[in-house]
Amino acid sequence: MPETAIKPFRSHIFVCVNQRDGKPACEDHGAKAALARAKEAMKALPFAKRDGVRLSQSGCLGQCEHGPVAVVYPSGKWISYASADELTRFVLEACEAEE
């Protein structure tokens, strides 16, 4: 198989949108709606600011007791957010961070 050069993301933000039957989970707190709002805010930024930052939904991140949660890699910074606005600020800060 030929080797392909893949440019890594500067930051990759994973937002848990997991839902579990009868047990607390991030989607119980509106994680999907918060993610959608953060994606729209990110798209409104100039490309140069958001280039190299990827925002993705994820399944369970194993932090249900702190939910809803998100994590940035490679820094490993975690957030437990209380609102869509708080998640959006977290995402926009990641876009503003220096390389």
PDB file of N, CA and C in Angstrom:
ATOM      1  N   MET A   1       0.846  -1.163   0.000  1.00  0.00           N
ATOM      2  CA  MET A   1       0.000   0.000   0.000  1.00  0.00           C
ATOM      3  C   MET A   1       0.902   1.240   0.000  1.00  0.00           C
ATOM      4  N   PRO A   2       0.635   2.216  -0.862  1.00  0.00           N
ATOM      5  CA  PRO A   2       1.486   3.405  -0.924  1.00  0.00           C
ATOM      6  C   PRO A   2       1.337   4.266   0.329  1.00  0.00           C
ATOM      7  N   GLU A   3       2.452   4.864   0.733  1.00  0.00           N
ATOM      8  CA  GLU A   3       2.444   5.741   1.889  1.00  0.00           C
ATOM      9  C   GLU A   3       1.841   7.090   1.503  1.00  0.00           C
ATOM     10  N   THR A   4       0.951   7.582   2.336  1.00  0.00           N
ATOM     11  CA  THR A   4       0.284   8.850   2.078  1.00  0.00           C
ATOM     12  C   THR A   4       0.624   9.824   3.197  1.00  0.00           C
ATOM     13  N   ALA A   5       0.968  11.040   2.818  1.00  0.00           N
ATOM     14  CA  ALA A   5       1.243  12.059   3.826  1.00  0.00           C
ATOM     15  C   ALA A   5      -0.080  12.614   4.337  1.00  0.00           C
ATOM     16  N   ILE A   6      -0.314  12.458   5.621  1.00  0.00           N
ATOM     17  CA  ILE A   6      -1.532  12.956   6.240  1.00  0.00           C
ATOM     18  C   ILE A   6      -1.143  14.076   7.184  1.00  0.00           C
ATOM     19  N   LYS A   7      -1.717  15.242   6.966  1.00  0.00           N
ATOM     20  CA  LYS A   7      -1.450  16.385   7.836  1.00  0.00           C
ATOM     21  C   LYS A   7      -2.296  16.236   9.097  1.00  0.00           C
ATOM     22  N   PRO A   8      -1.658  16.148  10.254  1.00  0.00           N
ATOM     23  CA  PRO A   8      -2.439  15.993  11.490  1.00  0.00           C
ATOM     24  C   PRO A   8      -3.152  17.294  11.856  1.00  0.00           C
ATOM     25  N   PHE A   9      -4.235  17.161  12.608  1.00  0.00           N
ATOM     26  CA  PHE A   9      -4.927  18.333  13.120  1.00  0.00           C
ATOM     27  C   PHE A   9      -4.095  18.959  14.226  1.00  0.00           C
ATOM     28  N   ARG A  10      -4.137  20.261  14.319  1.00  0.00           N
ATOM     29  CA  ARG A  10      -3.479  20.989  15.416  1.00  0.00           C
ATOM     30  C   ARG A  10      -4.182  20.620  16.724  1.00  0.00           C
ATOM     31  N   SER A  11      -5.507  20.593  16.679  1.00  0.00           N
ATOM     32  CA  SER A  11      -6.323  20.189  17.820  1.00  0.00           C
ATOM     33  C   SER A  11      -7.527  19.409  17.299  1.00  0.00           C
ATOM     34  N   HIS A  12      -7.925  18.396  18.034  1.00  0.00           N
ATOM     35  CA  HIS A  12      -9.115  17.619  17.706  1.00  0.00           C
ATOM     36  C   HIS A  12      -9.963  17.571  18.970  1.00  0.00           C
ATOM     37  N   ILE A  13     -11.161  18.133  18.868  1.00  0.00           N
ATOM     38  CA  ILE A  13     -12.070  18.224  20.004  1.00  0.00           C
ATOM     39  C   ILE A  13     -13.151  17.170  19.846  1.00  0.00           C
ATOM     40  N   PHE A  14     -13.275  16.329  20.853  1.00  0.00           N
ATOM     41  CA  PHE A  14     -14.304  15.287  20.863  1.00  0.00           C
ATOM     42  C   PHE A  14     -15.363  15.665  21.894  1.00  0.00           C
ATOM     43  N   VAL A  15     -16.617  15.690  21.467  1.00  0.00           N
ATOM     44  CA  VAL A  15     -17.746  16.013  22.340  1.00  0.00           C
ATOM     45  C   VAL A  15     -18.585  14.756  22.495  1.00  0.00           C
ATOM     46  N   CYS A  16     -18.709  14.291  23.715  1.00  0.00           N
ATOM     47  CA  CYS A  16     -19.513  13.093  23.968  1.00  0.00           C
ATOM     48  C   CYS A  16     -20.984  13.414  23.759  1.00  0.00           C
ATOM     49  N   VAL A  17     -21.656  12.592  22.956  1.00  0.00           N
ATOM     50  CA  VAL A  17     -23.101  12.722  22.738  1.00  0.00           C
ATOM     51  C   VAL A  17     -23.800  11.400  23.095  1.00  0.00           C
ATOM     52  N   ASN A  18     -23.143  10.622  23.938  1.00  0.00           N
ATOM     53  CA  ASN A  18     -23.649   9.300  24.296  1.00  0.00           C
ATOM     54  C   ASN A  18     -24.973   9.382  25.048  1.00  0.00           C
ATOM     55  N   GLN A  19     -25.814   8.401  24.777  1.00  0.00           N
ATOM     56  CA  GLN A  19     -27.071   8.260  25.495  1.00  0.00           C
ATOM     57  C   GLN A  19     -27.174   6.812  25.951  1.00  0.00           C
ATOM     58  N   ARG A  20     -27.553   6.613  27.212  1.00  0.00           N
ATOM     59  CA  ARG A  20     -27.667   5.260  27.757  1.00  0.00           C
ATOM     60  C   ARG A  20     -29.060   5.068  28.338  1.00  0.00           C
ATOM     61  N   ASP A  21     -29.564   3.861  28.237  1.00  0.00           N
ATOM     62  CA  ASP A  21     -30.890   3.552  28.779  1.00  0.00           C
ATOM     63  C   ASP A  21     -30.864   3.508  30.302  1.00  0.00           C
ATOM     64  N   GLY A  22     -31.559   4.454  30.901  1.00  0.00           N
ATOM     65  CA  GLY A  22     -31.719   4.438  32.344  1.00  0.00           C
ATOM     66  C   GLY A  22     -30.533   4.895  33.165  1.00  0.00           C
ATOM     67  N   LYS A  23     -29.433   5.269  32.528  1.00  0.00           N
ATOM     68  CA  LYS A  23     -28.255   5.730  33.264  1.00  0.00           C
ATOM     69  C   LYS A  23     -27.895   7.125  32.775  1.00  0.00           C
ATOM     70  N   PRO A  24     -27.348   7.968  33.659  1.00  0.00           N
ATOM     71  CA  PRO A  24     -26.961   9.319  33.242  1.00  0.00           C
ATOM     72  C   PRO A  24     -25.954   9.289  32.092  1.00  0.00           C
ATOM     73  N   ALA A  25     -26.127  10.210  31.163  1.00  0.00           N
ATOM     74  CA  ALA A  25     -25.219  10.306  30.019  1.00  0.00           C
ATOM     75  C   ALA A  25     -25.216  11.739  29.494  1.00  0.00           C
ATOM     76  N   CYS A  26     -24.234  12.059  28.683  1.00  0.00           N
ATOM     77  CA  CYS A  26     -24.059  13.428  28.190  1.00  0.00           C
ATOM     78  C   CYS A  26     -25.259  13.939  27.389  1.00  0.00           C
ATOM     79  N   GLU A  27     -25.875  13.087  26.599  1.00  0.00           N
ATOM     80  CA  GLU A  27     -27.020  13.547  25.800  1.00  0.00           C
ATOM     81  C   GLU A  27     -28.209  13.934  26.673  1.00  0.00           C
ATOM     82  N   ASP A  28     -28.251  13.440  27.899  1.00  0.00           N
ATOM     83  CA  ASP A  28     -29.312  13.858  28.827  1.00  0.00           C
ATOM     84  C   ASP A  28     -29.259  15.357  29.095  1.00  0.00           C
ATOM     85  N   HIS A  29     -28.112  15.967  28.835  1.00  0.00           N
ATOM     86  CA  HIS A  29     -27.901  17.397  29.075  1.00  0.00           C
ATOM     87  C   HIS A  29     -27.881  18.201  27.776  1.00  0.00           C
ATOM     88  N   GLY A  30     -28.353  17.621  26.675  1.00  0.00           N
ATOM     89  CA  GLY A  30     -28.415  18.336  25.407  1.00  0.00           C
ATOM     90  C   GLY A  30     -27.090  18.432  24.668  1.00  0.00           C
ATOM     91  N   ALA A  31     -26.266  17.412  24.781  1.00  0.00           N
ATOM     92  CA  ALA A  31     -24.934  17.437  24.172  1.00  0.00           C
ATOM     93  C   ALA A  31     -24.982  17.589  22.646  1.00  0.00           C
ATOM     94  N   LYS A  32     -25.932  16.938  21.992  1.00  0.00           N
ATOM     95  CA  LYS A  32     -26.005  17.040  20.521  1.00  0.00           C
ATOM     96  C   LYS A  32     -26.345  18.460  20.083  1.00  0.00           C
ATOM     97  N   ALA A  33     -27.273  19.096  20.774  1.00  0.00           N
ATOM     98  CA  ALA A  33     -27.633  20.484  20.444  1.00  0.00           C
ATOM     99  C   ALA A  33     -26.465  21.427  20.727  1.00  0.00           C
ATOM    100  N   ALA A  34     -25.744  21.195  21.825  1.00  0.00           N
ATOM    101  CA  ALA A  34     -24.581  22.032  22.156  1.00  0.00           C
ATOM    102  C   ALA A  34     -23.502  21.864  21.096  1.00  0.00           C
ATOM    103  N   LEU A  35     -23.281  20.638  20.641  1.00  0.00           N
ATOM    104  CA  LEU A  35     -22.297  20.380  19.589  1.00  0.00           C
ATOM    105  C   LEU A  35     -22.690  21.091  18.300  1.00  0.00           C
ATOM    106  N   ALA A  36     -23.963  21.034  17.938  1.00  0.00           N
ATOM    107  CA  ALA A  36     -24.432  21.695  16.709  1.00  0.00           C
ATOM    108  C   ALA A  36     -24.193  23.204  16.786  1.00  0.00           C
ATOM    109  N   ARG A  37     -24.458  23.801  17.941  1.00  0.00           N
ATOM    110  CA  ARG A  37     -24.234  25.239  18.099  1.00  0.00           C
ATOM    111  C   ARG A  37     -22.743  25.575  18.007  1.00  0.00           C
ATOM    112  N   ALA A  38     -21.908  24.765  18.627  1.00  0.00           N
ATOM    113  CA  ALA A  38     -20.458  24.998  18.568  1.00  0.00           C
ATOM    114  C   ALA A  38     -19.940  24.869  17.144  1.00  0.00           C
ATOM    115  N   LYS A  39     -20.467  23.900  16.382  1.00  0.00           N
ATOM    116  CA  LYS A  39     -20.048  23.735  14.980  1.00  0.00           C
ATOM    117  C   LYS A  39     -20.416  24.962  14.153  1.00  0.00           C
ATOM    118  N   GLU A  40     -21.604  25.506  14.372  1.00  0.00           N
ATOM    119  CA  GLU A  40     -22.022  26.697  13.630  1.00  0.00           C
ATOM    120  C   GLU A  40     -21.133  27.889  13.971  1.00  0.00           C
ATOM    121  N   ALA A  41     -20.815  28.045  15.242  1.00  0.00           N
ATOM    122  CA  ALA A  41     -19.941  29.145  15.646  1.00  0.00           C
ATOM    123  C   ALA A  41     -18.547  28.985  15.040  1.00  0.00           C
ATOM    124  N   MET A  42     -18.073  27.766  14.986  1.00  0.00           N
ATOM    125  CA  MET A  42     -16.755  27.501  14.406  1.00  0.00           C
ATOM    126  C   MET A  42     -16.746  27.806  12.903  1.00  0.00           C
ATOM    127  N   LYS A  43     -17.813  27.432  12.214  1.00  0.00           N
ATOM    128  CA  LYS A  43     -17.909  27.695  10.770  1.00  0.00           C
ATOM    129  C   LYS A  43     -17.922  29.188  10.464  1.00  0.00           C
ATOM    130  N   ALA A  44     -18.397  29.995  11.403  1.00  0.00           N
ATOM    131  CA  ALA A  44     -18.466  31.445  11.197  1.00  0.00           C
ATOM    132  C   ALA A  44     -17.097  32.119  11.306  1.00  0.00           C
ATOM    133  N   LEU A  45     -16.121  31.402  11.857  1.00  0.00           N
ATOM    134  CA  LEU A  45     -14.771  31.958  11.968  1.00  0.00           C
ATOM    135  C   LEU A  45     -14.095  31.987  10.600  1.00  0.00           C
ATOM    136  N   PRO A  46     -13.170  32.914  10.394  1.00  0.00           N
ATOM    137  CA  PRO A  46     -12.366  32.863   9.166  1.00  0.00           C
ATOM    138  C   PRO A  46     -11.609  31.532   9.110  1.00  0.00           C
ATOM    139  N   PHE A  47     -11.413  31.031   7.902  1.00  0.00           N
ATOM    140  CA  PHE A  47     -10.767  29.729   7.751  1.00  0.00           C
ATOM    141  C   PHE A  47      -9.417  29.673   8.459  1.00  0.00           C
ATOM    142  N   ALA A  48      -8.646  30.730   8.389  1.00  0.00           N
ATOM    143  CA  ALA A  48      -7.309  30.736   8.996  1.00  0.00           C
ATOM    144  C   ALA A  48      -7.357  30.456  10.493  1.00  0.00           C
ATOM    145  N   LYS A  49      -8.424  30.873  11.159  1.00  0.00           N
ATOM    146  CA  LYS A  49      -8.530  30.641  12.602  1.00  0.00           C
ATOM    147  C   LYS A  49      -8.951  29.213  12.925  1.00  0.00           C
ATOM    148  N   ARG A  50      -9.767  28.624  12.070  1.00  0.00           N
ATOM    149  CA  ARG A  50     -10.255  27.274  12.377  1.00  0.00           C
ATOM    150  C   ARG A  50      -9.444  26.189  11.686  1.00  0.00           C
ATOM    151  N   ASP A  51      -8.532  26.572  10.774  1.00  0.00           N
ATOM    152  CA  ASP A  51      -7.710  25.589  10.067  1.00  0.00           C
ATOM    153  C   ASP A  51      -6.892  24.778  11.074  1.00  0.00           C
ATOM    154  N   GLY A  52      -6.951  23.487  10.914  1.00  0.00           N
ATOM    155  CA  GLY A  52      -6.180  22.616  11.790  1.00  0.00           C
ATOM    156  C   GLY A  52      -6.907  22.204  13.056  1.00  0.00           C
ATOM    157  N   VAL A  53      -8.150  22.664  13.222  1.00  0.00           N
ATOM    158  CA  VAL A  53      -8.945  22.276  14.385  1.00  0.00           C
ATOM    159  C   VAL A  53     -10.142  21.482  13.884  1.00  0.00           C
ATOM    160  N   ARG A  54     -10.344  20.321  14.448  1.00  0.00           N
ATOM    161  CA  ARG A  54     -11.455  19.452  14.063  1.00  0.00           C
ATOM    162  C   ARG A  54     -12.374  19.264  15.260  1.00  0.00           C
ATOM    163  N   LEU A  55     -13.668  19.370  15.026  1.00  0.00           N
ATOM    164  CA  LEU A  55     -14.687  19.190  16.061  1.00  0.00           C
ATOM    165  C   LEU A  55     -15.524  17.980  15.682  1.00  0.00           C
ATOM    166  N   SER A  56     -15.537  16.979  16.550  1.00  0.00           N
ATOM    167  CA  SER A  56     -16.235  15.724  16.258  1.00  0.00           C
ATOM    168  C   SER A  56     -17.085  15.279  17.438  1.00  0.00           C
ATOM    169  N   GLN A  57     -18.167  14.599  17.115  1.00  0.00           N
ATOM    170  CA  GLN A  57     -18.941  13.952  18.172  1.00  0.00           C
ATOM    171  C   GLN A  57     -18.267  12.634  18.505  1.00  0.00           C
ATOM    172  N   SER A  58     -18.477  12.192  19.717  1.00  0.00           N
ATOM    173  CA  SER A  58     -17.924  10.895  20.105  1.00  0.00           C
ATOM    174  C   SER A  58     -18.959  10.127  20.892  1.00  0.00           C
ATOM    175  N   GLY A  59     -18.689   8.861  21.025  1.00  0.00           N
ATOM    176  CA  GLY A  59     -19.461   8.039  21.935  1.00  0.00           C
ATOM    177  C   GLY A  59     -18.944   8.287  23.341  1.00  0.00           C
ATOM    178  N   CYS A  60     -19.212   7.387  24.229  1.00  0.00           N
ATOM    179  CA  CYS A  60     -18.861   7.555  25.629  1.00  0.00           C
ATOM    180  C   CYS A  60     -17.359   7.783  25.808  1.00  0.00           C
ATOM    181  N   LEU A  61     -17.039   8.817  26.569  1.00  0.00           N
ATOM    182  CA  LEU A  61     -15.643   9.118  26.901  1.00  0.00           C
ATOM    183  C   LEU A  61     -15.294   8.624  28.303  1.00  0.00           C
ATOM    184  N   GLY A  62     -16.221   7.920  28.934  1.00  0.00           N
ATOM    185  CA  GLY A  62     -15.957   7.318  30.235  1.00  0.00           C
ATOM    186  C   GLY A  62     -15.965   8.294  31.402  1.00  0.00           C
ATOM    187  N   GLN A  63     -16.604   9.455  31.225  1.00  0.00           N
ATOM    188  CA  GLN A  63     -16.652  10.464  32.279  1.00  0.00           C
ATOM    189  C   GLN A  63     -18.101  10.857  32.586  1.00  0.00           C
ATOM    190  N   CYS A  64     -18.999   9.898  32.516  1.00  0.00           N
ATOM    191  CA  CYS A  64     -20.432  10.170  32.651  1.00  0.00           C
ATOM    192  C   CYS A  64     -20.780  10.943  33.918  1.00  0.00           C
ATOM    193  N   GLU A  65     -20.076  10.670  35.006  1.00  0.00           N
ATOM    194  CA  GLU A  65     -20.384  11.354  36.260  1.00  0.00           C
ATOM    195  C   GLU A  65     -20.052  12.841  36.207  1.00  0.00           C
ATOM    196  N   HIS A  66     -19.300  13.273  35.200  1.00  0.00           N
ATOM    197  CA  HIS A  66     -18.936  14.680  35.047  1.00  0.00           C
ATOM    198  C   HIS A  66     -19.684  15.340  33.897  1.00  0.00           C
ATOM    199  N   GLY A  67     -20.513  14.604  33.188  1.00  0.00           N
ATOM    200  CA  GLY A  67     -21.126  15.026  31.944  1.00  0.00           C
ATOM    201  C   GLY A  67     -21.992  16.254  32.028  1.00  0.00           C
ATOM    202  N   PRO A  68     -22.184  16.902  30.895  1.00  0.00           N
ATOM    203  CA  PRO A  68     -21.618  16.553  29.604  1.00  0.00           C
ATOM    204  C   PRO A  68     -20.144  16.979  29.510  1.00  0.00           C
ATOM    205  N   VAL A  69     -19.388  16.235  28.715  1.00  0.00           N
ATOM    206  CA  VAL A  69     -17.948  16.474  28.647  1.00  0.00           C
ATOM    207  C   VAL A  69     -17.445  16.551  27.213  1.00  0.00           C
ATOM    208  N   ALA A  70     -16.266  17.184  27.099  1.00  0.00           N
ATOM    209  CA  ALA A  70     -15.537  17.239  25.842  1.00  0.00           C
ATOM    210  C   ALA A  70     -14.055  17.183  26.184  1.00  0.00           C
ATOM    211  N   VAL A  71     -13.242  16.782  25.212  1.00  0.00           N
ATOM    212  CA  VAL A  71     -11.794  16.708  25.418  1.00  0.00           C
ATOM    213  C   VAL A  71     -11.085  17.164  24.149  1.00  0.00           C
ATOM    214  N   VAL A  72      -9.951  17.833  24.336  1.00  0.00           N
ATOM    215  CA  VAL A  72      -9.132  18.289  23.213  1.00  0.00           C
ATOM    216  C   VAL A  72      -7.857  17.461  23.183  1.00  0.00           C
ATOM    217  N   TYR A  73      -7.514  16.978  22.005  1.00  0.00           N
ATOM    218  CA  TYR A  73      -6.228  16.315  21.807  1.00  0.00           C
ATOM    219  C   TYR A  73      -5.431  17.103  20.796  1.00  0.00           C
ATOM    220  N   PRO A  74      -4.122  17.215  20.919  1.00  0.00           N
ATOM    221  CA  PRO A  74      -3.265  16.398  21.776  1.00  0.00           C
ATOM    222  C   PRO A  74      -3.064  16.927  23.187  1.00  0.00           C
ATOM    223  N   SER A  75      -3.629  18.077  23.540  1.00  0.00           N
ATOM    224  CA  SER A  75      -3.361  18.651  24.864  1.00  0.00           C
ATOM    225  C   SER A  75      -3.939  17.820  26.007  1.00  0.00           C
ATOM    226  N   GLY A  76      -5.023  17.098  25.736  1.00  0.00           N
ATOM    227  CA  GLY A  76      -5.655  16.316  26.786  1.00  0.00           C
ATOM    228  C   GLY A  76      -6.485  17.162  27.744  1.00  0.00           C
ATOM    229  N   LYS A  77      -6.831  18.384  27.352  1.00  0.00           N
ATOM    230  CA  LYS A  77      -7.640  19.262  28.202  1.00  0.00           C
ATOM    231  C   LYS A  77      -9.111  18.816  28.157  1.00  0.00           C
ATOM    232  N   TRP A  78      -9.693  18.620  29.313  1.00  0.00           N
ATOM    233  CA  TRP A  78     -11.085  18.198  29.453  1.00  0.00           C
ATOM    234  C   TRP A  78     -11.933  19.367  29.925  1.00  0.00           C
ATOM    235  N   ILE A  79     -13.212  19.312  29.567  1.00  0.00           N
ATOM    236  CA  ILE A  79     -14.177  20.287  30.073  1.00  0.00           C
ATOM    237  C   ILE A  79     -15.486  19.555  30.374  1.00  0.00           C
ATOM    238  N   SER A  80     -16.078  19.947  31.474  1.00  0.00           N
ATOM    239  CA  SER A  80     -17.461  19.597  31.775  1.00  0.00           C
ATOM    240  C   SER A  80     -18.204  20.914  31.647  1.00  0.00           C
ATOM    241  N   TYR A  81     -19.137  20.982  30.719  1.00  0.00           N
ATOM    242  CA  TYR A  81     -19.801  22.256  30.436  1.00  0.00           C
ATOM    243  C   TYR A  81     -21.253  22.235  30.886  1.00  0.00           C
ATOM    244  N   ALA A  82     -21.747  23.423  31.220  1.00  0.00           N
ATOM    245  CA  ALA A  82     -23.109  23.544  31.742  1.00  0.00           C
ATOM    246  C   ALA A  82     -24.103  24.041  30.706  1.00  0.00           C
ATOM    247  N   SER A  83     -23.585  24.553  29.567  1.00  0.00           N
ATOM    248  CA  SER A  83     -24.488  25.100  28.553  1.00  0.00           C
ATOM    249  C   SER A  83     -23.829  25.019  27.177  1.00  0.00           C
ATOM    250  N   ALA A  84     -24.647  25.192  26.155  1.00  0.00           N
ATOM    251  CA  ALA A  84     -24.128  25.223  24.784  1.00  0.00           C
ATOM    252  C   ALA A  84     -23.172  26.390  24.610  1.00  0.00           C
ATOM    253  N   ASP A  85     -23.454  27.507  25.264  1.00  0.00           N
ATOM    254  CA  ASP A  85     -22.567  28.672  25.187  1.00  0.00           C
ATOM    255  C   ASP A  85     -21.190  28.361  25.765  1.00  0.00           C
ATOM    256  N   GLU A  86     -21.165  27.631  26.860  1.00  0.00           N
ATOM    257  CA  GLU A  86     -19.887  27.279  27.486  1.00  0.00           C
ATOM    258  C   GLU A  86     -19.067  26.351  26.578  1.00  0.00           C
ATOM    259  N   LEU A  87     -19.715  25.371  25.968  1.00  0.00           N
ATOM    260  CA  LEU A  87     -19.014  24.498  25.028  1.00  0.00           C
ATOM    261  C   LEU A  87     -18.504  25.304  23.840  1.00  0.00           C
ATOM    262  N   THR A  88     -19.311  26.215  23.341  1.00  0.00           N
ATOM    263  CA  THR A  88     -18.910  27.046  22.200  1.00  0.00           C
ATOM    264  C   THR A  88     -17.678  27.876  22.547  1.00  0.00           C
ATOM    265  N   ARG A  89     -17.641  28.471  23.725  1.00  0.00           N
ATOM    266  CA  ARG A  89     -16.453  29.240  24.144  1.00  0.00           C
ATOM    267  C   ARG A  89     -15.218  28.349  24.180  1.00  0.00           C
ATOM    268  N   PHE A  90     -15.362  27.146  24.691  1.00  0.00           N
ATOM    269  CA  PHE A  90     -14.260  26.186  24.766  1.00  0.00           C
ATOM    270  C   PHE A  90     -13.731  25.873  23.363  1.00  0.00           C
ATOM    271  N   VAL A  91     -14.629  25.643  22.434  1.00  0.00           N
ATOM    272  CA  VAL A  91     -14.242  25.330  21.052  1.00  0.00           C
ATOM    273  C   VAL A  91     -13.560  26.529  20.398  1.00  0.00           C
ATOM    274  N   LEU A  92     -14.125  27.707  20.567  1.00  0.00           N
ATOM    275  CA  LEU A  92     -13.536  28.908  19.961  1.00  0.00           C
ATOM    276  C   LEU A  92     -12.167  29.219  20.549  1.00  0.00           C
ATOM    277  N   GLU A  93     -11.982  28.957  21.821  1.00  0.00           N
ATOM    278  CA  GLU A  93     -10.659  29.140  22.431  1.00  0.00           C
ATOM    279  C   GLU A  93      -9.644  28.187  21.809  1.00  0.00           C
ATOM    280  N   ALA A  94     -10.063  26.970  21.506  1.00  0.00           N
ATOM    281  CA  ALA A  94      -9.162  26.011  20.865  1.00  0.00           C
ATOM    282  C   ALA A  94      -8.783  26.502  19.475  1.00  0.00           C
ATOM    283  N   CYS A  95      -9.717  27.144  18.785  1.00  0.00           N
ATOM    284  CA  CYS A  95      -9.431  27.686  17.450  1.00  0.00           C
ATOM    285  C   CYS A  95      -8.464  28.858  17.526  1.00  0.00           C
ATOM    286  N   GLU A  96      -8.538  29.625  18.588  1.00  0.00           N
ATOM    287  CA  GLU A  96      -7.676  30.794  18.767  1.00  0.00           C
ATOM    288  C   GLU A  96      -6.284  30.440  19.251  1.00  0.00           C
ATOM    289  N   ALA A  97      -6.136  29.240  19.831  1.00  0.00           N
ATOM    290  CA  ALA A  97      -4.843  28.852  20.420  1.00  0.00           C
ATOM    291  C   ALA A  97      -3.741  28.867  19.375  1.00  0.00           C
ATOM    292  N   GLU A  98      -2.571  29.277  19.818  1.00  0.00           N
ATOM    293  CA  GLU A  98      -1.409  29.288  18.920  1.00  0.00           C
ATOM    294  C   GLU A  98      -0.960  27.857  18.651  1.00  0.00           C
ATOM    295  N   GLU A  99      -0.396  27.672  17.497  1.00  0.00           N
ATOM    296  CA  GLU A  99       0.135  26.346  17.139  1.00  0.00           C
ATOM    297  C   GLU A  99       1.354  26.028  17.982  1.00  0.00           C
TER     298      GLU A  99
END
